[in-house]
Amino acid sequence: MASPAKKRTLEKTPRPLLEDAVAAMGGIILGKEHIIRQSLACLMARGHLLIEDLPGVGKTTLAHVLARALGLQFQRIQFTSDMLPADILGVSVYDQGSGAFRFHPGPIFAQLVLADEVNRATPKAQSALLEAMEEYQVTTEGETHPLPEPFFVIATQNPAHQIGTFPLPESQLDRFLMRLKLGYPDSAAERALLQGEDRRSLLREMPPVMAPETLRSIQNQVPRVHVAAALIDYLQALLAFTRESPLYRNGLSPRAGLALLRCAQAWALLAGRDHVLPEDVQAVLPAVAGHRLQPAVDHDTQSSEDLLAALLDSVPVP
């Protein structure tokens, strides 16, 4: 009889294929392997990704690279202050031949949608993404239209202090599984970037590493990554601390707890393991919880990094 450990082993590890994807993307997005791995884990966990940073650091390029490497149908939506929900979802147009209205799908009907500079659009336009991100469908004029599978939204946003931005409401921020910041490249990566070939040329020549069907198979393996009872205890202790500590305005919700668990499973699978370690939770926690935790009024000078550090330092590892 097989041992319990062997019973938990995944049928076929996808690690070599995932490592090929990381290497291919790393050839274009230089010096950001950890960010690439987090982005890939987010998509493996069937989540949506928010990238927040200054213009020009590679946010849009990262979205293009993910779509290319994973073989996903790609659409880019450039958000502007005059955008309407119909510009995203689509519109019904009267067809004289059939004597009926015919729905013309908008750019949201793609496997990977880049919502570029999402916080430059008004809240009304931003809200058009909510149903798509949560229900994987679009309802317009009383009709519901399913979105393709797999379906991901990668949104980019500029810092809130920049001119012409509308902050994303907390309810919409919560729809993003992860929020990442790219930051500036290190000196070696920037030098290679300055001396190397144009990134757009490299992107056009980049072959897909896997097909969408392969990605869906990997996604199906993520929930089967084993999570021990002690690991659940650790995760619950993290959630409880955010709800009880005076540092935070509101604690992490059950949805955030599920997001943290699923991302930790994806991170473990990306590392080639069939079980989750506390280090997996710690690796993904900043990206999963950073945009969900706000400082309490008495602690509003605390940065997001400080709040997360306090959380990890205060909860013992099992």
Protein backbone atom coordinates (compact mmCIF):
# COMPACT_ATOMS: atom_id res chain seq x y z
CA MET A 1 0.00 0.00 0.00
CA ALA A 2 1.29 3.46 -0.90
CA SER A 3 2.28 5.70 1.97
CA PRO A 4 0.21 8.85 2.69
CA ALA A 5 3.07 11.00 1.37
CA LYS A 6 3.03 9.16 -1.93
CA LYS A 7 -0.73 9.42 -2.17
CA ARG A 8 -0.41 13.21 -2.00
CA THR A 9 2.15 13.31 -4.81
CA LEU A 10 0.84 15.09 -7.89
CA GLU A 11 0.49 12.88 -10.93
CA LYS A 12 2.90 14.90 -13.06
CA THR A 13 4.97 17.81 -11.85
CA PRO A 14 4.78 20.83 -14.17
CA ARG A 15 7.96 22.37 -12.74
CA PRO A 16 10.23 21.97 -15.82
CA LEU A 17 7.63 23.66 -18.02
CA LEU A 18 7.09 26.43 -15.48
CA GLU A 19 10.84 26.98 -15.15
CA ASP A 20 11.05 27.29 -18.94
CA ALA A 21 8.33 29.95 -18.78
CA VAL A 22 10.16 31.84 -16.02
CA ALA A 23 13.42 31.71 -17.99
CA ALA A 24 11.75 32.90 -21.21
CA MET A 25 10.09 35.82 -19.46
CA GLY A 26 13.28 36.65 -17.58
CA GLY A 27 15.06 37.12 -20.89
CA ILE A 28 12.84 40.14 -21.55
CA ILE A 29 11.97 41.42 -18.06
CA LEU A 30 15.52 41.67 -16.72
CA GLY A 31 16.41 41.36 -13.06
CA LYS A 32 12.85 40.68 -11.88
CA GLU A 33 12.69 36.90 -11.45
CA HIS A 34 10.84 37.11 -8.13
CA ILE A 35 8.19 39.39 -9.66
CA ILE A 36 7.85 37.04 -12.63
CA ARG A 37 7.36 34.06 -10.32
CA GLN A 38 4.75 35.91 -8.27
CA SER A 39 2.88 36.92 -11.44
CA LEU A 40 2.92 33.35 -12.70
CA ALA A 41 1.74 32.04 -9.32
CA CYS A 42 -1.13 34.54 -9.44
CA LEU A 43 -2.32 33.20 -12.80
CA MET A 44 -1.80 29.61 -11.67
CA ALA A 45 -4.13 30.37 -8.76
CA ARG A 46 -6.78 31.74 -11.19
CA GLY A 47 -6.36 35.26 -9.88
CA HIS A 48 -6.22 38.76 -11.30
CA LEU A 49 -3.12 40.90 -10.96
CA LEU A 50 -2.68 44.60 -10.17
CA ILE A 51 0.69 46.19 -10.98
CA GLU A 52 1.22 49.58 -9.39
CA ASP A 53 4.27 51.68 -10.16
CA LEU A 54 5.66 54.69 -11.95
CA PRO A 55 5.35 54.92 -15.75
CA GLY A 56 8.19 53.37 -17.71
CA VAL A 57 9.32 50.57 -15.38
CA GLY A 58 7.87 47.71 -17.46
CA LYS A 59 4.30 47.15 -16.21
CA THR A 60 2.79 46.84 -19.68
CA THR A 61 5.71 44.77 -20.95
CA LEU A 62 5.22 42.26 -18.13
CA ALA A 63 1.58 41.75 -19.14
CA HIS A 64 2.59 41.24 -22.79
CA VAL A 65 5.29 38.76 -21.77
CA LEU A 66 2.91 36.70 -19.61
CA ALA A 67 0.38 36.47 -22.44
CA ARG A 68 3.06 35.50 -24.95
CA ALA A 69 4.73 32.88 -22.77
CA LEU A 70 1.43 31.22 -21.81
CA GLY A 71 -0.01 31.32 -25.34
CA LEU A 72 -3.01 33.41 -24.29
CA GLN A 73 -5.21 35.53 -26.51
CA PHE A 74 -4.39 39.12 -25.54
CA GLN A 75 -6.28 42.41 -25.56
CA ARG A 76 -5.16 45.77 -24.26
CA ILE A 77 -7.63 48.39 -23.02
CA GLN A 78 -6.18 51.86 -22.55
CA PHE A 79 -8.25 53.44 -19.77
CA THR A 80 -8.98 57.17 -20.09
CA SER A 81 -11.16 59.66 -18.24
CA ASP A 82 -13.81 59.66 -20.99
CA MET A 83 -14.15 55.86 -21.26
CA LEU A 84 -17.62 54.31 -20.97
CA PRO A 85 -18.53 50.79 -19.78
CA ALA A 86 -19.67 49.90 -23.32
CA ASP A 87 -16.13 50.59 -24.55
CA ILE A 88 -15.02 47.67 -22.38
CA LEU A 89 -17.94 45.24 -22.45
CA GLY A 90 -19.32 45.72 -25.96
CA VAL A 91 -22.55 47.01 -27.42
CA SER A 92 -25.66 45.71 -29.22
CA VAL A 93 -26.13 47.07 -32.73
CA TYR A 94 -29.29 46.76 -34.83
CA ASP A 95 -28.82 44.35 -37.76
CA GLN A 96 -31.12 45.32 -40.63
CA GLY A 97 -30.69 41.93 -42.28
CA SER A 98 -32.03 39.94 -39.34
CA GLY A 99 -34.24 42.70 -37.95
CA ALA A 100 -32.74 42.19 -34.48
CA PHE A 101 -30.04 43.60 -32.27
CA ARG A 102 -26.69 41.81 -32.42
CA PHE A 103 -24.15 41.95 -29.62
CA HIS A 104 -20.65 43.04 -30.61
CA PRO A 105 -18.20 41.87 -27.90
CA GLY A 106 -15.82 44.44 -26.45
CA PRO A 107 -12.12 43.94 -25.70
CA ILE A 108 -12.93 42.28 -22.36
CA PHE A 109 -13.58 39.07 -24.34
CA ALA A 110 -10.00 37.79 -24.34
CA GLN A 111 -8.08 35.28 -22.26
CA LEU A 112 -5.72 37.90 -20.87
CA VAL A 113 -6.92 41.50 -20.70
CA LEU A 114 -4.53 44.32 -19.90
CA ALA A 115 -6.43 47.17 -18.24
CA ASP A 116 -3.73 49.76 -18.74
CA GLU A 117 -3.69 52.72 -16.34
CA VAL A 118 -7.00 51.57 -14.88
CA ASN A 119 -7.11 54.40 -12.34
CA ARG A 120 -7.25 57.03 -15.09
CA ALA A 121 -10.87 56.00 -15.80
CA THR A 122 -13.86 57.15 -13.77
CA PRO A 123 -15.36 54.83 -11.12
CA LYS A 124 -18.26 54.12 -13.50
CA ALA A 125 -15.90 52.75 -16.15
CA GLN A 126 -13.82 50.90 -13.55
CA SER A 127 -16.94 49.15 -12.25
CA ALA A 128 -17.46 47.52 -15.65
CA LEU A 129 -14.66 45.12 -14.71
CA LEU A 130 -16.25 43.90 -11.46
CA GLU A 131 -18.65 41.26 -12.79
CA ALA A 132 -16.09 40.01 -15.31
CA MET A 133 -13.44 39.55 -12.65
CA GLU A 134 -15.74 37.92 -10.11
CA GLU A 135 -18.18 35.89 -12.21
CA TYR A 136 -16.20 35.36 -15.45
CA GLN A 137 -19.14 36.67 -17.42
CA VAL A 138 -20.56 39.94 -18.72
CA THR A 139 -24.19 41.03 -18.46
CA THR A 140 -25.30 43.81 -20.75
CA GLU A 141 -28.80 44.84 -21.77
CA GLY A 142 -30.28 41.91 -19.86
CA GLU A 143 -28.16 39.23 -21.57
CA THR A 144 -25.30 37.30 -19.99
CA HIS A 145 -22.26 36.41 -22.07
CA PRO A 146 -19.59 33.99 -20.77
CA LEU A 147 -15.95 35.02 -21.01
CA PRO A 148 -13.26 32.76 -22.52
CA GLU A 149 -11.28 30.32 -20.40
CA PRO A 150 -8.85 30.88 -18.91
CA PHE A 151 -9.62 34.54 -18.17
CA PHE A 152 -7.34 36.99 -16.40
CA VAL A 153 -7.26 40.73 -15.88
CA ILE A 154 -3.88 42.37 -15.41
CA ALA A 155 -4.42 46.00 -14.46
CA THR A 156 -1.73 48.63 -14.22
CA GLN A 157 -2.09 51.83 -12.28
CA ASN A 158 0.05 54.86 -11.67
CA PRO A 159 0.67 56.10 -8.10
CA ALA A 160 -2.36 57.92 -6.70
CA HIS A 161 -0.47 61.20 -6.32
CA GLN A 162 -0.11 61.57 -10.10
CA ILE A 163 -2.39 63.97 -11.96
CA GLY A 164 -5.64 62.61 -13.43
CA THR A 165 -6.10 59.47 -11.36
CA PHE A 166 -9.21 58.07 -9.64
CA PRO A 167 -8.34 55.76 -6.72
CA LEU A 168 -9.70 52.23 -6.99
CA PRO A 169 -12.34 51.58 -4.30
CA GLU A 170 -11.55 48.91 -1.72
CA SER A 171 -14.24 46.60 -3.14
CA GLN A 172 -12.46 46.57 -6.49
CA LEU A 173 -8.99 46.29 -5.00
CA ASP A 174 -10.19 43.14 -3.24
CA ARG A 175 -10.95 41.53 -6.61
CA PHE A 176 -7.23 41.45 -7.39
CA LEU A 177 -5.54 38.38 -5.97
CA MET A 178 -2.15 40.12 -5.92
CA ARG A 179 -0.71 43.61 -6.13
CA LEU A 180 2.90 43.94 -7.24
CA LYS A 181 5.36 46.77 -7.62
CA LEU A 182 8.15 46.38 -10.17
CA GLY A 183 10.50 49.10 -8.97
CA TYR A 184 13.64 50.21 -10.77
CA PRO A 185 16.01 47.55 -12.15
CA ASP A 186 19.34 47.00 -10.43
CA SER A 187 22.49 48.38 -12.02
CA ALA A 188 23.46 45.18 -13.86
CA ALA A 189 19.96 44.62 -15.27
CA GLU A 190 19.65 48.24 -16.35
CA ARG A 191 23.02 48.12 -18.11
CA ALA A 192 21.99 44.96 -19.98
CA LEU A 193 18.74 46.68 -20.89
CA LEU A 194 20.53 49.74 -22.24
CA GLN A 195 23.01 47.69 -24.26
CA GLY A 196 20.65 44.96 -25.40
CA GLU A 197 18.09 44.53 -28.14
CA ASP A 198 14.78 46.38 -28.09
CA ARG A 199 12.32 44.61 -25.76
CA ARG A 200 9.47 44.87 -28.27
CA SER A 201 11.54 43.09 -30.91
CA LEU A 202 12.40 40.33 -28.47
CA LEU A 203 8.73 40.02 -27.50
CA ARG A 204 7.64 39.57 -31.12
CA GLU A 205 10.18 36.77 -31.56
CA MET A 206 9.32 35.00 -28.30
CA PRO A 207 7.56 31.65 -28.90
CA PRO A 208 4.87 30.43 -26.48
CA VAL A 209 6.19 28.08 -23.81
CA MET A 210 2.84 26.40 -23.23
CA ALA A 211 -0.71 26.31 -24.55
CA PRO A 212 -3.74 27.64 -22.65
CA GLU A 213 -4.91 24.05 -22.14
CA THR A 214 -1.65 23.24 -20.37
CA LEU A 215 -2.06 26.25 -18.11
CA ARG A 216 -5.58 25.12 -17.21
CA SER A 217 -4.22 21.67 -16.33
CA ILE A 218 -1.65 23.29 -14.04
CA GLN A 219 -4.38 25.42 -12.46
CA ASN A 220 -6.35 22.26 -11.70
CA GLN A 221 -3.34 20.89 -9.80
CA VAL A 222 -3.01 23.92 -7.51
CA PRO A 223 -5.93 23.06 -5.15
CA ARG A 224 -4.55 19.51 -4.81
CA VAL A 225 -1.28 20.71 -3.25
CA HIS A 226 -1.40 19.37 0.31
CA VAL A 227 -1.97 21.77 3.21
CA ALA A 228 -1.29 20.37 6.69
CA ALA A 229 -3.46 21.22 9.68
CA ALA A 230 -0.56 23.09 11.30
CA LEU A 231 -0.27 25.27 8.21
CA ILE A 232 -3.98 26.10 8.42
CA ASP A 233 -3.42 27.03 12.07
CA TYR A 234 -0.65 29.40 10.98
CA LEU A 235 -2.80 30.98 8.30
CA GLN A 236 -5.69 31.46 10.73
CA ALA A 237 -3.34 33.03 13.27
CA LEU A 238 -2.22 35.55 10.63
CA LEU A 239 -5.84 36.43 9.83
CA ALA A 240 -6.76 36.70 13.52
CA PHE A 241 -3.85 39.04 14.25
CA THR A 242 -4.98 41.52 11.58
CA ARG A 243 -8.52 41.50 13.03
CA GLU A 244 -7.43 41.98 16.65
CA SER A 245 -4.42 44.27 16.36
CA PRO A 246 -4.91 48.05 16.71
CA LEU A 247 -2.46 48.55 13.82
CA TYR A 248 -5.05 47.86 11.12
CA ARG A 249 -8.23 49.66 10.14
CA ASN A 250 -9.89 46.36 9.19
CA GLY A 251 -8.65 42.80 9.36
CA LEU A 252 -8.21 40.43 6.45
CA SER A 253 -11.49 38.93 5.23
CA PRO A 254 -12.25 35.23 4.67
CA ARG A 255 -11.82 35.91 0.94
CA ALA A 256 -8.33 37.22 1.65
CA GLY A 257 -7.61 34.07 3.65
CA LEU A 258 -8.67 31.89 0.73
CA ALA A 259 -6.54 34.01 -1.61
CA LEU A 260 -3.51 33.60 0.66
CA LEU A 261 -4.01 29.84 0.82
CA ARG A 262 -4.44 29.41 -2.93
CA CYS A 263 -1.41 31.57 -3.71
CA ALA A 264 0.71 29.62 -1.24
CA GLN A 265 -0.35 26.38 -2.96
CA ALA A 266 0.57 27.85 -6.35
CA TRP A 267 3.94 29.00 -4.99
CA ALA A 268 4.65 25.51 -3.65
CA LEU A 269 3.73 23.94 -6.98
CA LEU A 270 5.96 26.42 -8.78
CA ALA A 271 8.80 25.22 -6.53
CA GLY A 272 8.05 21.60 -7.48
CA ARG A 273 6.54 20.54 -4.14
CA ASP A 274 3.28 18.75 -3.39
CA HIS A 275 2.82 20.41 0.02
CA VAL A 276 2.78 23.94 1.40
CA LEU A 277 5.41 25.25 3.81
CA PRO A 278 5.16 28.34 6.05
CA GLU A 279 7.78 29.92 3.78
CA ASP A 280 5.31 29.71 0.88
CA VAL A 281 2.74 31.70 2.86
CA GLN A 282 5.38 34.28 3.80
CA ALA A 283 6.58 34.57 0.19
CA VAL A 284 3.16 35.51 -1.19
CA LEU A 285 1.70 37.38 1.79
CA PRO A 286 3.01 40.87 0.86
CA ALA A 287 1.49 40.68 -2.63
CA VAL A 288 -1.79 39.19 -1.38
CA ALA A 289 -2.33 41.30 1.76
CA GLY A 290 -0.55 44.55 0.96
CA HIS A 291 -3.49 46.15 -0.84
CA ARG A 292 -6.05 44.75 1.60
CA LEU A 293 -4.56 46.09 4.84
CA GLN A 294 -4.89 49.76 5.73
CA PRO A 295 -3.37 51.40 8.81
CA ALA A 296 -5.68 52.44 11.63
CA VAL A 297 -6.17 56.16 12.17
CA ASP A 298 -3.75 56.13 15.09
CA HIS A 299 -1.11 54.42 12.96
CA ASP A 300 -1.59 56.20 9.61
CA THR A 301 2.13 56.95 9.39
CA GLN A 302 2.84 53.25 9.03
CA SER A 303 3.74 52.13 5.51
CA SER A 304 2.36 48.99 3.90
CA GLU A 305 5.76 47.35 4.35
CA ASP A 306 5.73 48.17 8.08
CA LEU A 307 2.26 46.69 8.52
CA LEU A 308 3.24 43.46 6.78
CA ALA A 309 6.51 43.20 8.70
CA ALA A 310 4.62 43.60 11.98
CA LEU A 311 2.23 40.85 10.93
CA LEU A 312 4.97 38.36 10.09
CA ASP A 313 7.03 39.22 13.18
CA SER A 314 4.08 38.92 15.56
CA VAL A 315 2.74 35.51 14.52
CA PRO A 316 5.05 32.57 15.35
CA VAL A 317 5.80 30.02 12.65
CA PRO A 318 4.60 26.50 13.55
